[in-house]
C-alpha atoms as a PDB file:
ATOM      1  CA  MET A   1      63.292 103.277 147.503  1.00  0.00           C
ATOM      2  CA  VAL A   2      65.354 104.045 150.566  1.00  0.00           C
ATOM      3  CA  SER A   3      68.695 104.648 148.869  1.00  0.00           C
ATOM      4  CA  ASN A   4      69.776 106.239 145.601  1.00  0.00           C
ATOM      5  CA  GLU A   5      70.246 102.835 143.971  1.00  0.00           C
ATOM      6  CA  ALA A   6      68.318 101.894 140.846  1.00  0.00           C
ATOM      7  CA  ALA A   7      65.429  99.476 141.189  1.00  0.00           C
ATOM      8  CA  ILE A   8      66.870  97.384 138.336  1.00  0.00           C
ATOM      9  CA  SER A   9      70.376  97.107 136.994  1.00  0.00           C
ATOM     10  CA  SER A  10      71.534  99.082 133.992  1.00  0.00           C
ATOM     11  CA  ILE A  11      72.164  95.833 132.115  1.00  0.00           C
ATOM     12  CA  MET A  12      68.589  94.689 132.695  1.00  0.00           C
ATOM     13  CA  THR A  13      67.298  98.139 131.726  1.00  0.00           C
ATOM     14  CA  GLU A  14      69.210  97.979 128.441  1.00  0.00           C
ATOM     15  CA  ARG A  15      67.867  94.495 127.697  1.00  0.00           C
ATOM     16  CA  ILE A  16      64.300  95.615 128.345  1.00  0.00           C
ATOM     17  CA  ILE A  17      64.747  98.661 126.124  1.00  0.00           C
ATOM     18  CA  GLN A  18      66.290  96.579 123.348  1.00  0.00           C
ATOM     19  CA  GLU A  19      63.364  94.185 123.455  1.00  0.00           C
ATOM     20  CA  PHE A  20      60.794  96.974 123.305  1.00  0.00           C
ATOM     21  CA  SER A  21      62.757  98.638 120.521  1.00  0.00           C
ATOM     22  CA  ARG A  22      62.706  95.413 118.576  1.00  0.00           C
ATOM     23  CA  ILE A  23      58.900  95.168 118.747  1.00  0.00           C
ATOM     24  CA  SER A  24      58.120  98.912 118.564  1.00  0.00           C
ATOM     25  CA  PRO A  25      58.667 100.561 115.202  1.00  0.00           C
ATOM     26  CA  HIS A  26      60.151 104.042 115.129  1.00  0.00           C
ATOM     27  CA  PRO A  27      57.896 106.063 112.820  1.00  0.00           C
ATOM     28  CA  ALA A  28      60.349 108.968 112.682  1.00  0.00           C
ATOM     29  CA  SER A  29      63.449 106.843 112.205  1.00  0.00           C
ATOM     30  CA  ASP A  30      64.594 108.674 109.073  1.00  0.00           C
ATOM     31  CA  GLY A  31      65.400 111.806 111.088  1.00  0.00           C
ATOM     32  CA  SER A  32      63.249 114.130 108.979  1.00  0.00           C
ATOM     33  CA  LYS A  33      61.139 115.240 111.928  1.00  0.00           C
ATOM     34  CA  ILE A  34      64.152 116.309 113.979  1.00  0.00           C
ATOM     35  CA  ARG A  35      64.040 119.680 112.207  1.00  0.00           C
ATOM     36  CA  ASP A  36      60.675 120.341 113.864  1.00  0.00           C
ATOM     37  CA  LEU A  37      62.228 120.359 117.348  1.00  0.00           C
ATOM     38  CA  THR A  38      63.202 123.523 119.172  1.00  0.00           C
ATOM     39  CA  LEU A  39      66.658 123.861 120.719  1.00  0.00           C
ATOM     40  CA  ARG A  40      65.155 123.219 124.171  1.00  0.00           C
ATOM     41  CA  GLU A  41      63.411 120.079 122.928  1.00  0.00           C
ATOM     42  CA  LEU A  42      66.726 118.890 121.476  1.00  0.00           C
ATOM     43  CA  ASP A  43      68.382 119.534 124.849  1.00  0.00           C
ATOM     44  CA  VAL A  44      65.779 117.360 126.548  1.00  0.00           C
ATOM     45  CA  LEU A  45      66.099 114.686 123.860  1.00  0.00           C
ATOM     46  CA  ARG A  46      69.866 114.569 124.444  1.00  0.00           C
ATOM     47  CA  GLU A  47      69.188 113.960 128.127  1.00  0.00           C
ATOM     48  CA  LEU A  48      66.651 111.248 127.306  1.00  0.00           C
ATOM     49  CA  ALA A  49      69.330 109.565 125.187  1.00  0.00           C
ATOM     50  CA  ILE A  50      71.269 108.811 128.357  1.00  0.00           C
ATOM     51  CA  TYR A  51      68.074 107.729 130.175  1.00  0.00           C
ATOM     52  CA  ALA A  52      68.054 110.712 132.540  1.00  0.00           C
ATOM     53  CA  SER A  53      65.020 111.027 134.805  1.00  0.00           C
ATOM     54  CA  ASN A  54      62.732 114.047 134.676  1.00  0.00           C
ATOM     55  CA  LEU A  55      64.358 115.353 137.862  1.00  0.00           C
ATOM     56  CA  GLU A  56      67.861 114.899 136.457  1.00  0.00           C
ATOM     57  CA  ILE A  57      66.875 116.688 133.257  1.00  0.00           C
ATOM     58  CA  ALA A  58      65.242 119.504 135.225  1.00  0.00           C
ATOM     59  CA  ILE A  59      68.347 120.023 137.354  1.00  0.00           C
ATOM     60  CA  HIS A  60      70.785 119.828 134.455  1.00  0.00           C
ATOM     61  CA  LEU A  61      68.795 122.212 132.222  1.00  0.00           C
ATOM     62  CA  ASN A  62      67.614 124.480 135.065  1.00  0.00           C
ATOM     63  CA  LEU A  63      63.931 123.764 134.425  1.00  0.00           C
ATOM     64  CA  SER A  64      61.030 122.633 136.581  1.00  0.00           C
ATOM     65  CA  GLU A  65      60.020 118.983 136.419  1.00  0.00           C
ATOM     66  CA  SER A  66      56.639 120.096 135.118  1.00  0.00           C
ATOM     67  CA  THR A  67      58.300 121.926 132.233  1.00  0.00           C
ATOM     68  CA  VAL A  68      60.406 118.854 131.453  1.00  0.00           C
ATOM     69  CA  LYS A  69      57.275 116.680 131.360  1.00  0.00           C
ATOM     70  CA  ASN A  70      55.603 119.141 128.991  1.00  0.00           C
ATOM     71  CA  ILE A  71      58.633 119.258 126.697  1.00  0.00           C
ATOM     72  CA  ILE A  72      58.847 115.464 126.608  1.00  0.00           C
ATOM     73  CA  HIS A  73      55.148 115.251 125.732  1.00  0.00           C
ATOM     74  CA  ILE A  74      55.599 117.770 122.905  1.00  0.00           C
ATOM     75  CA  LEU A  75      58.701 116.129 121.439  1.00  0.00           C
ATOM     76  CA  LEU A  76      57.107 112.678 121.578  1.00  0.00           C
ATOM     77  CA  ASN A  77      54.179 114.033 119.574  1.00  0.00           C
ATOM     78  CA  LYS A  78      56.445 115.779 117.066  1.00  0.00           C
ATOM     79  CA  LEU A  79      58.548 112.655 116.554  1.00  0.00           C
ATOM     80  CA  GLU A  80      55.523 110.336 116.607  1.00  0.00           C
ATOM     81  CA  LEU A  81      57.026 108.235 119.382  1.00  0.00           C
ATOM     82  CA  LYS A  82      55.161 106.420 122.140  1.00  0.00           C
ATOM     83  CA  ASN A  83      57.371 106.959 125.167  1.00  0.00           C
ATOM     84  CA  ARG A  84      60.653 108.284 126.530  1.00  0.00           C
ATOM     85  CA  TYR A  85      62.406 104.979 125.843  1.00  0.00           C
ATOM     86  CA  GLU A  86      61.581 105.171 122.157  1.00  0.00           C
ATOM     87  CA  ALA A  87      62.806 108.780 122.277  1.00  0.00           C
ATOM     88  CA  ALA A  88      66.085 107.642 123.840  1.00  0.00           C
ATOM     89  CA  GLN A  89      66.581 105.001 121.168  1.00  0.00           C
ATOM     90  CA  TYR A  90      65.668 107.489 118.447  1.00  0.00           C
ATOM     91  CA  ALA A  91      68.156 110.050 119.788  1.00  0.00           C
ATOM     92  CA  GLN A  92      70.919 107.463 119.949  1.00  0.00           C
ATOM     93  CA  HIS A  93      70.112 106.253 116.444  1.00  0.00           C
ATOM     94  CA  GLN A  94      70.280 109.832 115.160  1.00  0.00           C
ATOM     95  CA  GLY A  95      73.575 110.420 116.956  1.00  0.00           C
ATOM     96  CA  ILE A  96      72.309 113.345 118.986  1.00  0.00           C
ATOM     97  CA  GLY A  97      72.809 111.790 122.409  1.00  0.00           C
ATOM     98  CA  LYS A  98      75.570 112.747 124.774  1.00  0.00           C
ATOM     99  CA  HIS A  99      78.755 110.763 124.620  1.00  0.00           C
ATOM    100  CA  LEU A 100      79.170 108.660 127.743  1.00  0.00           C
END
């Protein structure tokens, strides 16, 4: 990309995420596994809830992108989720996302 514009619109992104959420079960949907997360993992999960990129998360939390990737990998395993989009939906469902 040449500019800072998104490759797809936010409306289309939301529709895609809703469709994947509909067909992808959330194994940790009851919230019981949230207690297994560290404070830093919760910070990253809050950022994922607003669909922040790894770079955005790294800048906001003063971490390296590599560290952010590692934290995301760990929290996905702990929550038994497949990807960052499921994590975002999970965070929103649990009410731990940032308020927009």
